[in-house]
Amino acid sequence: MKQKVLTRILFYETNVSLKFCVFTISINKTDRSGFLENRDKIVIGSRGSKLALIQANWVKSELEKANKETEFVIEVIKTTGDKILDTPLAKIGDIGLFTKELEEALLDNRVDLVVHSAKDMPTAIPDGLEIGAVTKREDPHDALISKDNKSLKDLPNGATLGTSSLRRKAQILALRQDLNIVDLRGNLDTRVGKLESGELDAIVVAKAGLNRLGRGDVASEIIPSDIMLHAVGQGALCIEVRENDEHIKKMILIIQHFDTRYAVMAERTLLKRLQGGCQIPIGAHAEVIFPVNLKMEAVVCSLDGTTVIRDSVEGKVDDYETMGNELAERLLGRGGRQILEDIRTKLAEEQID
């Protein structure tokens, strides 16, 4: 059977330079489906929160610009994490809380792609699916919103701070053991409302979310990385697709940001080796350093913040998996293994109760 070889040169922008890559695809001349098929309508799966829809609509807009004859629609899908709002996430269990139902829709061909906040994605992806693109990262830091615009260090002794993240709680306690940290869930307006009502003195949220909601100005402090390392993937979006859907995989290349992809994949490799989820107190930040180096820092904390283990690695971007695993091993070897085992035991007991 005759084959036709298509060679494509893809130029892409990184944070530091313009790069290109060449890839070759062989397709049967008698079977062009899956690469050159033409679809009139593409369905994008998304959660229904205000932030999720802003993110999905941004993806929709970018794809529409490059595919003017294709109709793009958003299908809202409610996830388990959206349905259970009165229980701390750590007590529910965190495997696929905000992704499972979206992935099921993708596998059932009800949607063509789904938009996730990268920090919500478990490291285990269902068979038949893959991360097709990672978008350019927004500010990945955590942000403090407080009364009188006080910084984390300047909050009054014994102040009450709201967050649903064990990672944030542990790193805050490492700095301020005196603070009273309470569980806080809900959208941004709900969280800010509890602050304004006097129920809380401060809250911690992702700066990227504030920016996308157009509320970046409400942050009292962008918490420095030496105090708080962000969640794996925080600030980036992951576009999940079916492995065999070459049409969609080709289409979403326009929103692929390779520097961010390398960074997020390195962070996810570390998280997978540590067997952590989004509710385990693990923070990590990776970034591409000119011209082709990757630097990553990570932290593992005890729940009470009394033990903090940090380390970092640097290498070539192509070695992101090796670097992620190496950094994870360092953290485990320096006491992280016992910390994580103790945390998993405690969380399992709380979920049973």
Protein backbone atom coordinates (compact mmCIF):
# COMPACT_ATOMS: atom_id res chain seq x y z
CA MET A 1 0.00 0.00 0.00
CA LYS A 2 1.39 3.38 -0.97
CA GLN A 3 2.05 5.86 1.75
CA LYS A 4 2.40 9.61 1.70
CA VAL A 5 4.85 11.27 4.07
CA LEU A 6 3.91 14.65 5.47
CA THR A 7 6.69 16.69 7.05
CA ARG A 8 5.63 19.68 9.10
CA ILE A 9 7.78 22.40 10.60
CA LEU A 10 6.26 23.84 13.75
CA PHE A 11 7.50 27.15 15.10
CA TYR A 12 6.65 27.95 18.67
CA GLU A 13 7.36 30.68 21.15
CA THR A 14 9.00 29.98 24.48
CA ASN A 15 9.64 32.39 27.32
CA VAL A 16 13.16 32.98 26.11
CA SER A 17 13.38 32.36 22.39
CA LEU A 18 11.72 31.29 19.17
CA LYS A 19 12.28 27.62 18.52
CA PHE A 20 11.14 25.09 15.95
CA CYS A 21 10.70 21.40 15.68
CA VAL A 22 10.23 19.11 12.71
CA PHE A 23 8.01 16.08 12.82
CA THR A 24 7.08 13.59 10.14
CA ILE A 25 3.82 11.70 9.85
CA SER A 26 3.21 8.79 7.48
CA ILE A 27 -0.40 8.19 6.44
CA ASN A 28 -1.97 5.77 4.03
CA LYS A 29 -3.19 7.54 0.91
CA THR A 30 -6.30 5.40 1.08
CA ASP A 31 -7.01 6.23 4.72
CA ARG A 32 -6.78 9.91 5.59
CA SER A 33 -9.29 9.89 8.43
CA GLY A 34 -8.00 10.95 11.83
CA PHE A 35 -5.53 13.47 10.38
CA LEU A 36 -7.34 15.45 7.69
CA GLU A 37 -10.94 14.80 8.66
CA ASN A 38 -13.16 17.85 8.68
CA ARG A 39 -15.60 18.33 11.52
CA ASP A 40 -18.26 21.03 11.52
CA LYS A 41 -18.75 21.10 15.29
CA ILE A 42 -16.33 20.64 18.19
CA VAL A 43 -17.63 20.17 21.75
CA ILE A 44 -15.47 21.42 24.63
CA GLY A 45 -16.09 19.90 28.06
CA SER A 46 -15.82 22.14 31.13
CA ARG A 47 -16.86 22.45 34.73
CA GLY A 48 -19.55 25.00 35.34
CA SER A 49 -17.90 27.41 37.75
CA LYS A 50 -17.34 31.00 36.70
CA LEU A 51 -13.56 30.50 36.57
CA ALA A 52 -13.83 27.20 34.66
CA LEU A 53 -16.07 28.80 32.06
CA ILE A 54 -13.73 31.77 31.65
CA GLN A 55 -10.92 29.28 30.98
CA ALA A 56 -13.01 27.17 28.59
CA ASN A 57 -14.20 30.25 26.72
CA TRP A 58 -10.62 31.43 26.29
CA VAL A 59 -9.72 28.07 24.72
CA LYS A 60 -12.85 28.27 22.55
CA SER A 61 -11.93 31.78 21.38
CA GLU A 62 -8.36 30.81 20.49
CA LEU A 63 -9.51 27.79 18.51
CA GLU A 64 -12.20 29.80 16.72
CA LYS A 65 -9.62 32.30 15.50
CA ALA A 66 -7.71 29.55 13.71
CA ASN A 67 -10.73 27.50 12.57
CA LYS A 68 -13.28 30.03 11.34
CA GLU A 69 -15.48 27.49 9.57
CA THR A 70 -15.82 25.21 12.58
CA GLU A 71 -18.45 25.66 15.27
CA PHE A 72 -17.19 25.37 18.86
CA VAL A 73 -19.58 24.85 21.77
CA ILE A 74 -19.03 24.33 25.50
CA GLU A 75 -20.71 21.46 27.32
CA VAL A 76 -20.93 22.03 31.10
CA ILE A 77 -20.35 18.89 33.17
CA LYS A 78 -20.71 18.81 36.95
CA THR A 79 -17.96 16.92 38.76
CA THR A 80 -17.93 15.24 42.17
CA GLY A 81 -15.94 18.13 43.61
CA ASP A 82 -18.62 20.56 42.41
CA LYS A 83 -21.41 18.58 44.08
CA ILE A 84 -19.88 18.22 47.55
CA LEU A 85 -19.35 21.70 48.93
CA ASP A 86 -19.71 21.22 52.70
CA THR A 87 -16.80 18.84 53.27
CA PRO A 88 -13.05 19.55 53.21
CA LEU A 89 -11.52 18.09 50.06
CA ALA A 90 -8.97 16.08 52.05
CA LYS A 91 -11.79 14.16 53.74
CA ILE A 92 -13.50 13.30 50.46
CA GLY A 93 -10.48 11.78 48.77
CA ASP A 94 -8.85 13.58 45.86
CA ILE A 95 -8.61 11.11 42.98
CA GLY A 96 -10.39 12.76 40.07
CA LEU A 97 -12.63 14.98 42.17
CA PHE A 98 -12.71 17.64 39.45
CA THR A 99 -11.87 15.50 36.40
CA LYS A 100 -13.56 12.07 36.47
CA GLU A 101 -16.88 13.05 34.92
CA LEU A 102 -15.16 15.16 32.28
CA GLU A 103 -12.93 12.26 31.32
CA GLU A 104 -15.90 9.91 31.13
CA ALA A 105 -17.59 12.31 28.69
CA LEU A 106 -14.41 12.35 26.60
CA LEU A 107 -14.16 8.56 26.53
CA ASP A 108 -17.86 8.30 25.63
CA ASN A 109 -17.36 10.73 22.71
CA ARG A 110 -19.83 13.21 24.20
CA VAL A 111 -17.14 15.89 24.04
CA ASP A 112 -14.07 16.30 21.83
CA LEU A 113 -11.70 17.85 24.37
CA VAL A 114 -11.84 19.01 27.97
CA VAL A 115 -10.26 21.98 29.71
CA HIS A 116 -8.77 21.41 33.17
CA SER A 117 -6.89 23.55 35.62
CA ALA A 118 -3.61 21.63 35.53
CA LYS A 119 -3.43 21.55 39.32
CA ASP A 120 -6.70 19.55 39.45
CA MET A 121 -5.46 16.73 37.22
CA PRO A 122 -4.43 13.45 38.87
CA THR A 123 -1.12 12.07 37.66
CA ALA A 124 -2.87 8.88 36.50
CA ILE A 125 -4.73 9.51 33.24
CA PRO A 126 -7.30 6.95 31.99
CA ASP A 127 -6.27 4.64 29.16
CA GLY A 128 -7.12 6.16 25.81
CA LEU A 129 -6.67 9.76 26.96
CA GLU A 130 -3.69 12.11 27.07
CA ILE A 131 -2.73 15.71 27.75
CA GLY A 132 -2.77 17.16 24.26
CA ALA A 133 -1.70 20.69 25.13
CA VAL A 134 -0.58 22.81 28.08
CA THR A 135 -1.26 26.52 27.83
CA LYS A 136 1.03 29.38 28.80
CA ARG A 137 1.19 29.67 32.54
CA GLU A 138 -0.44 32.52 34.41
CA ASP A 139 1.20 33.74 37.63
CA PRO A 140 1.54 30.46 39.60
CA HIS A 141 1.95 32.07 43.03
CA ASP A 142 -0.55 31.92 45.86
CA ALA A 143 -2.11 35.21 46.94
CA LEU A 144 -3.21 36.47 50.33
CA ILE A 145 -6.34 38.59 50.65
CA SER A 146 -6.60 40.14 54.10
CA LYS A 147 -8.23 42.85 56.13
CA ASP A 148 -6.35 46.15 55.90
CA ASN A 149 -4.11 44.62 53.20
CA LYS A 150 -1.75 43.09 55.74
CA SER A 151 0.91 40.63 54.59
CA LEU A 152 1.10 37.08 55.92
CA LYS A 153 3.92 38.06 58.27
CA ASP A 154 1.98 41.08 59.54
CA LEU A 155 -1.34 39.39 60.33
CA PRO A 156 -2.34 39.83 63.98
CA ASN A 157 -1.38 37.11 66.43
CA GLY A 158 -4.04 34.38 66.38
CA ALA A 159 -5.71 35.68 63.22
CA THR A 160 -8.16 33.33 61.48
CA LEU A 161 -7.17 32.36 57.94
CA GLY A 162 -9.28 30.33 55.52
CA THR A 163 -7.99 27.78 53.01
CA SER A 164 -9.07 24.31 51.88
CA SER A 165 -5.54 23.32 50.84
CA LEU A 166 -3.36 21.21 53.14
CA ARG A 167 -0.33 22.38 51.13
CA ARG A 168 -1.09 26.02 51.90
CA LYS A 169 -1.98 25.28 55.52
CA ALA A 170 1.27 23.40 56.18
CA GLN A 171 3.49 26.09 54.65
CA ILE A 172 1.62 28.86 56.47
CA LEU A 173 2.04 27.05 59.79
CA ALA A 174 5.75 26.66 59.06
CA LEU A 175 5.91 30.46 59.14
CA ARG A 176 3.16 31.30 61.64
CA GLN A 177 2.28 28.62 64.18
CA ASP A 178 0.02 31.10 65.97
CA LEU A 179 -2.52 31.43 63.16
CA ASN A 180 -5.93 29.75 63.35
CA ILE A 181 -6.43 28.05 59.97
CA VAL A 182 -9.93 26.91 59.03
CA ASP A 183 -11.31 25.03 56.03
CA LEU A 184 -12.78 27.24 53.34
CA ARG A 185 -14.45 26.17 50.10
CA GLY A 186 -16.64 27.88 47.53
CA ASN A 187 -16.09 30.33 44.68
CA LEU A 188 -14.10 33.53 45.05
CA ASP A 189 -17.13 35.68 45.88
CA THR A 190 -18.12 33.27 48.66
CA ARG A 191 -14.63 33.29 50.13
CA VAL A 192 -14.26 37.06 49.95
CA GLY A 193 -17.72 37.41 51.48
CA LYS A 194 -16.60 35.54 54.60
CA LEU A 195 -13.65 37.89 54.83
CA GLU A 196 -15.83 40.99 54.49
CA SER A 197 -18.36 39.68 57.04
CA GLY A 198 -15.64 39.48 59.67
CA GLU A 199 -15.77 35.70 59.87
CA LEU A 200 -12.17 35.52 58.62
CA ASP A 201 -9.13 37.77 58.83
CA ALA A 202 -7.53 36.47 55.63
CA ILE A 203 -7.83 33.91 52.85
CA VAL A 204 -5.31 32.36 50.45
CA VAL A 205 -6.19 31.69 46.80
CA ALA A 206 -4.36 31.14 43.51
CA LYS A 207 -3.19 34.38 41.90
CA ALA A 208 -3.87 32.89 38.45
CA GLY A 209 -7.54 32.48 39.31
CA LEU A 210 -7.77 36.07 40.54
CA ASN A 211 -6.17 37.31 37.32
CA ARG A 212 -8.48 35.30 35.07
CA LEU A 213 -11.50 36.55 36.99
CA GLY A 214 -10.28 40.13 36.60
CA ARG A 215 -9.80 40.44 40.37
CA GLY A 216 -6.03 40.50 40.62
CA ASP A 217 -6.13 43.86 42.37
CA VAL A 218 -7.78 42.42 45.51
CA ALA A 219 -4.61 40.54 46.49
CA SER A 220 -2.97 41.99 49.59
CA GLU A 221 0.23 40.03 48.98
CA ILE A 222 1.69 37.73 46.36
CA ILE A 223 3.22 35.16 48.68
CA PRO A 224 6.91 34.64 47.79
CA SER A 225 8.03 31.18 46.70
CA ASP A 226 10.53 30.95 49.56
CA ILE A 227 7.52 31.02 51.90
CA MET A 228 5.00 29.07 49.84
CA LEU A 229 5.63 26.88 46.80
CA HIS A 230 2.54 26.54 44.63
CA ALA A 231 0.67 23.36 43.70
CA VAL A 232 1.87 21.18 40.83
CA GLY A 233 0.59 22.68 37.59
CA GLN A 234 -0.87 25.78 39.23
CA GLY A 235 -1.50 28.62 36.77
CA ALA A 236 -1.60 26.43 33.64
CA LEU A 237 -4.45 24.79 31.76
CA CYS A 238 -4.31 21.22 30.45
CA ILE A 239 -6.29 20.25 27.39
CA GLU A 240 -7.15 16.56 27.59
CA VAL A 241 -8.00 14.65 24.42
CA ARG A 242 -8.43 11.12 23.11
CA GLU A 243 -5.13 9.52 22.13
CA ASN A 244 -6.42 8.47 18.72
CA ASP A 245 -8.04 11.79 17.79
CA GLU A 246 -5.36 13.23 15.50
CA HIS A 247 -7.70 15.93 14.22
CA ILE A 248 -8.15 17.51 17.66
CA LYS A 249 -4.50 16.96 18.63
CA LYS A 250 -3.42 18.89 15.55
CA MET A 251 -6.03 21.61 16.15
CA ILE A 252 -4.93 22.42 19.70
CA LEU A 253 -1.25 22.86 18.84
CA ILE A 254 -1.93 26.59 18.50
CA ILE A 255 -2.42 26.89 22.27
CA GLN A 256 0.48 24.62 23.19
CA HIS A 257 3.17 26.51 25.16
CA PHE A 258 6.23 24.30 25.21
CA ASP A 259 8.10 25.95 28.09
CA THR A 260 5.04 25.56 30.30
CA ARG A 261 4.50 21.99 29.12
CA TYR A 262 8.03 20.97 30.06
CA ALA A 263 7.65 22.66 33.46
CA VAL A 264 4.26 21.15 34.24
CA MET A 265 5.28 17.68 33.08
CA ALA A 266 8.37 17.84 35.30
CA GLU A 267 6.21 18.82 38.28
CA ARG A 268 3.72 16.05 37.51
CA THR A 269 6.53 13.48 37.28
CA LEU A 270 7.69 14.50 40.75
CA LEU A 271 4.15 14.31 42.13
CA LYS A 272 3.60 10.86 40.61
CA ARG A 273 6.81 9.50 42.16
CA LEU A 274 5.80 10.93 45.53
CA GLN A 275 2.37 9.34 45.06
CA GLY A 276 0.83 12.63 46.00
CA GLY A 277 -2.54 14.09 45.14
CA CYS A 278 -3.86 17.61 45.11
CA GLN A 279 -4.54 17.44 48.86
CA ILE A 280 -1.10 16.21 49.97
CA PRO A 281 1.18 19.06 51.18
CA ILE A 282 3.59 19.00 48.25
CA GLY A 283 4.61 22.14 46.40
CA ALA A 284 6.72 22.42 43.26
CA HIS A 285 7.87 24.99 40.74
CA ALA A 286 9.70 24.26 37.50
CA GLU A 287 10.70 26.75 34.81
CA VAL A 288 12.74 26.81 31.63
CA ILE A 289 16.01 28.72 31.96
CA PHE A 290 17.71 30.11 28.84
CA PRO A 291 18.44 28.48 26.53
CA VAL A 292 17.31 24.86 27.15
CA ASN A 293 17.74 24.23 30.86
CA LEU A 294 15.04 23.39 33.35
CA LYS A 295 15.18 24.24 37.03
CA MET A 296 12.80 22.78 39.60
CA GLU A 297 12.30 23.28 43.32
CA ALA A 298 9.95 21.25 45.50
CA VAL A 299 8.82 21.00 49.11
CA VAL A 300 7.21 18.36 51.33
CA CYS A 301 5.73 19.45 54.67
CA SER A 302 4.24 17.80 57.70
CA LEU A 303 0.60 18.78 58.26
CA ASP A 304 1.46 20.89 61.29
CA GLY A 305 4.24 22.75 59.47
CA THR A 306 6.93 21.73 61.95
CA THR A 307 8.92 19.79 59.36
CA VAL A 308 9.69 21.28 55.95
CA ILE A 309 11.93 19.53 53.40
CA ARG A 310 13.04 21.51 50.32
CA ASP A 311 15.38 20.65 47.51
CA SER A 312 16.01 21.56 43.87
CA VAL A 313 17.53 20.21 40.65
CA GLU A 314 18.61 21.68 37.33
CA GLY A 315 19.19 20.01 33.97
CA LYS A 316 18.13 19.91 30.32
CA VAL A 317 14.46 20.28 29.40
CA ASP A 318 14.52 16.94 27.56
CA ASP A 319 15.41 15.27 30.86
CA TYR A 320 12.34 16.55 32.71
CA GLU A 321 11.19 13.04 33.71
CA THR A 322 14.61 12.10 35.08
CA MET A 323 14.77 15.40 36.97
CA GLY A 324 11.29 14.97 38.44
CA ASN A 325 12.11 11.49 39.68
CA GLU A 326 15.53 12.52 40.98
CA LEU A 327 14.11 15.41 43.00
CA ALA A 328 11.35 13.18 44.38
CA GLU A 329 13.94 10.62 45.52
CA ARG A 330 15.95 13.32 47.26
CA LEU A 331 12.88 14.51 49.17
CA LEU A 332 11.90 10.97 50.12
CA GLY A 333 15.42 10.19 51.28
CA ARG A 334 15.61 13.28 53.49
CA GLY A 335 12.50 12.35 55.49
CA GLY A 336 9.70 12.97 53.03
CA ARG A 337 8.80 9.27 52.85
CA GLN A 338 7.85 9.09 56.53
CA ILE A 339 6.00 12.43 56.38
CA LEU A 340 3.89 11.31 53.43
CA GLU A 341 3.16 7.89 54.94
CA ASP A 342 1.96 9.53 58.17
CA ILE A 343 -0.24 11.97 56.23
CA ARG A 344 -1.84 9.24 54.09
CA THR A 345 -2.62 7.22 57.20
CA LYS A 346 -4.22 10.22 58.90
CA LEU A 347 -6.28 11.19 55.84
CA ALA A 348 -7.46 7.61 55.36
CA GLU A 349 -8.67 7.49 58.96
CA GLU A 350 -10.53 10.79 58.52
CA GLN A 351 -12.23 9.57 55.33
CA ILE A 352 -13.36 6.38 57.09
CA ASP A 353 -14.78 8.40 59.98
